[in-house]
Amino acid sequence: MKSYFNVASVIICGFDIVVYTLFFNGINLVLDEVFFPLMIGGSFIGFILSWFGNKGVTRNMGIFGNTFVLLFTVIGPLMVRAFIWNTH
């Protein structure tokens, strides 16, 4: 049963990466209003699912892949806003 958590986490990560890649190439699979909540929620759920799965390669893929998506969805825009678009 625990191996299904890892597989679901990797599938969620793959879906997020495909949607992210298509979004930046101008192809919208989801609405613009739904894009960032979907990426953040999906990556967070995938990250949590991978922690509950069996130890192994798929667990590491789920953890690092979903963290990678969260990094570019949350941390990246916050850093750009704080350091580049700061007008004060």
C-alpha atoms as a PDB file:
ATOM      1  CA  MET A   1       0.000   0.000   0.000  1.00  0.00           C
ATOM      2  CA  LYS A   2       2.811   2.399   0.818  1.00  0.00           C
ATOM      3  CA  SER A   3       4.342   2.002  -2.627  1.00  0.00           C
ATOM      4  CA  TYR A   4       1.171   3.524  -4.114  1.00  0.00           C
ATOM      5  CA  PHE A   5       1.915   6.723  -2.212  1.00  0.00           C
ATOM      6  CA  ASN A   6       5.286   6.976  -3.948  1.00  0.00           C
ATOM      7  CA  VAL A   7       3.811   6.294  -7.371  1.00  0.00           C
ATOM      8  CA  ALA A   8       1.076   8.891  -6.817  1.00  0.00           C
ATOM      9  CA  SER A   9       3.694  11.410  -5.696  1.00  0.00           C
ATOM     10  CA  VAL A  10       5.813  10.875  -8.813  1.00  0.00           C
ATOM     11  CA  ILE A  11       2.734  11.115 -11.064  1.00  0.00           C
ATOM     12  CA  ILE A  12       1.704  14.384  -9.397  1.00  0.00           C
ATOM     13  CA  CYS A  13       5.237  15.713  -9.828  1.00  0.00           C
ATOM     14  CA  GLY A  14       5.293  14.732 -13.497  1.00  0.00           C
ATOM     15  CA  PHE A  15       1.920  16.361 -14.093  1.00  0.00           C
ATOM     16  CA  ASP A  16       3.091  19.557 -12.392  1.00  0.00           C
ATOM     17  CA  ILE A  17       6.268  19.698 -14.458  1.00  0.00           C
ATOM     18  CA  VAL A  18       4.367  19.117 -17.717  1.00  0.00           C
ATOM     19  CA  VAL A  19       1.790  21.814 -16.879  1.00  0.00           C
ATOM     20  CA  TYR A  20       4.573  24.192 -15.827  1.00  0.00           C
ATOM     21  CA  THR A  21       6.518  23.617 -19.055  1.00  0.00           C
ATOM     22  CA  LEU A  22       3.441  24.082 -21.219  1.00  0.00           C
ATOM     23  CA  PHE A  23       2.438  27.214 -19.275  1.00  0.00           C
ATOM     24  CA  PHE A  24       5.758  28.895 -19.966  1.00  0.00           C
ATOM     25  CA  ASN A  25       5.530  27.936 -23.641  1.00  0.00           C
ATOM     26  CA  GLY A  26       2.150  29.658 -23.969  1.00  0.00           C
ATOM     27  CA  ILE A  27      -0.104  26.597 -23.859  1.00  0.00           C
ATOM     28  CA  ASN A  28      -2.664  26.801 -21.061  1.00  0.00           C
ATOM     29  CA  LEU A  29      -3.980  23.435 -19.887  1.00  0.00           C
ATOM     30  CA  VAL A  30      -5.588  25.073 -16.865  1.00  0.00           C
ATOM     31  CA  LEU A  31      -7.004  28.538 -16.311  1.00  0.00           C
ATOM     32  CA  ASP A  32      -4.579  31.247 -15.221  1.00  0.00           C
ATOM     33  CA  GLU A  33      -6.489  31.754 -11.959  1.00  0.00           C
ATOM     34  CA  VAL A  34      -6.129  28.074 -11.113  1.00  0.00           C
ATOM     35  CA  PHE A  35      -2.499  27.624 -12.178  1.00  0.00           C
ATOM     36  CA  PHE A  36      -0.596  28.662  -9.044  1.00  0.00           C
ATOM     37  CA  PRO A  37      -2.986  27.120  -6.491  1.00  0.00           C
ATOM     38  CA  LEU A  38      -2.878  23.883  -8.512  1.00  0.00           C
ATOM     39  CA  MET A  39       0.915  23.866  -8.608  1.00  0.00           C
ATOM     40  CA  ILE A  40       1.307  24.679  -4.916  1.00  0.00           C
ATOM     41  CA  GLY A  41      -1.424  22.290  -3.749  1.00  0.00           C
ATOM     42  CA  GLY A  42      -0.341  19.457  -6.021  1.00  0.00           C
ATOM     43  CA  SER A  43       3.304  19.739  -5.047  1.00  0.00           C
ATOM     44  CA  PHE A  44       2.484  19.935  -1.363  1.00  0.00           C
ATOM     45  CA  ILE A  45       0.227  16.875  -1.549  1.00  0.00           C
ATOM     46  CA  GLY A  46       2.864  14.993  -3.569  1.00  0.00           C
ATOM     47  CA  PHE A  47       5.535  15.926  -1.035  1.00  0.00           C
ATOM     48  CA  ILE A  48       3.425  14.675   1.879  1.00  0.00           C
ATOM     49  CA  LEU A  49       2.490  11.453   0.051  1.00  0.00           C
ATOM     50  CA  SER A  50       6.134  10.679  -0.647  1.00  0.00           C
ATOM     51  CA  TRP A  51       6.985  10.917   3.050  1.00  0.00           C
ATOM     52  CA  PHE A  52       4.389   8.257   3.848  1.00  0.00           C
ATOM     53  CA  GLY A  53       5.646   5.857   1.167  1.00  0.00           C
ATOM     54  CA  ASN A  54       8.319   3.185   1.280  1.00  0.00           C
ATOM     55  CA  LYS A  55      11.947   4.203   1.195  1.00  0.00           C
ATOM     56  CA  GLY A  56      13.545   3.934  -2.197  1.00  0.00           C
ATOM     57  CA  VAL A  57      14.192   5.663  -5.475  1.00  0.00           C
ATOM     58  CA  THR A  58      10.574   6.629  -6.139  1.00  0.00           C
ATOM     59  CA  ARG A  59      10.340   8.233  -2.701  1.00  0.00           C
ATOM     60  CA  ASN A  60      13.398  10.357  -3.415  1.00  0.00           C
ATOM     61  CA  MET A  61      12.052  11.275  -6.850  1.00  0.00           C
ATOM     62  CA  GLY A  62       8.776  12.380  -5.279  1.00  0.00           C
ATOM     63  CA  ILE A  63      10.432  14.405  -2.542  1.00  0.00           C
ATOM     64  CA  PHE A  64      12.972  16.165  -4.740  1.00  0.00           C
ATOM     65  CA  GLY A  65      10.663  16.653  -7.716  1.00  0.00           C
ATOM     66  CA  ASN A  66       7.856  18.176  -5.697  1.00  0.00           C
ATOM     67  CA  THR A  67      10.326  20.323  -3.761  1.00  0.00           C
ATOM     68  CA  PHE A  68      11.722  21.520  -7.095  1.00  0.00           C
ATOM     69  CA  VAL A  69       8.254  22.563  -8.261  1.00  0.00           C
ATOM     70  CA  LEU A  70       7.557  24.286  -4.935  1.00  0.00           C
ATOM     71  CA  LEU A  71      10.880  26.091  -5.206  1.00  0.00           C
ATOM     72  CA  PHE A  72       9.975  27.602  -8.561  1.00  0.00           C
ATOM     73  CA  THR A  73       6.342  28.238  -7.651  1.00  0.00           C
ATOM     74  CA  VAL A  74       6.726  29.801  -4.194  1.00  0.00           C
ATOM     75  CA  ILE A  75      10.313  30.623  -3.287  1.00  0.00           C
ATOM     76  CA  GLY A  76      11.390  31.926  -6.718  1.00  0.00           C
ATOM     77  CA  PRO A  77       8.645  34.550  -7.098  1.00  0.00           C
ATOM     78  CA  LEU A  78       9.100  35.666  -3.489  1.00  0.00           C
ATOM     79  CA  MET A  79      12.834  36.159  -4.014  1.00  0.00           C
ATOM     80  CA  VAL A  80      12.265  38.075  -7.252  1.00  0.00           C
ATOM     81  CA  ARG A  81       9.690  40.281  -5.604  1.00  0.00           C
ATOM     82  CA  ALA A  82      11.882  40.975  -2.592  1.00  0.00           C
ATOM     83  CA  PHE A  83      15.177  41.640  -4.346  1.00  0.00           C
ATOM     84  CA  ILE A  84      14.481  42.693  -7.930  1.00  0.00           C
ATOM     85  CA  TRP A  85      11.097  44.431  -7.951  1.00  0.00           C
ATOM     86  CA  ASN A  86      11.696  46.242  -4.677  1.00  0.00           C
ATOM     87  CA  THR A  87      11.106  49.926  -5.422  1.00  0.00           C
ATOM     88  CA  HIS A  88      11.888  51.329  -1.965  1.00  0.00           C
END
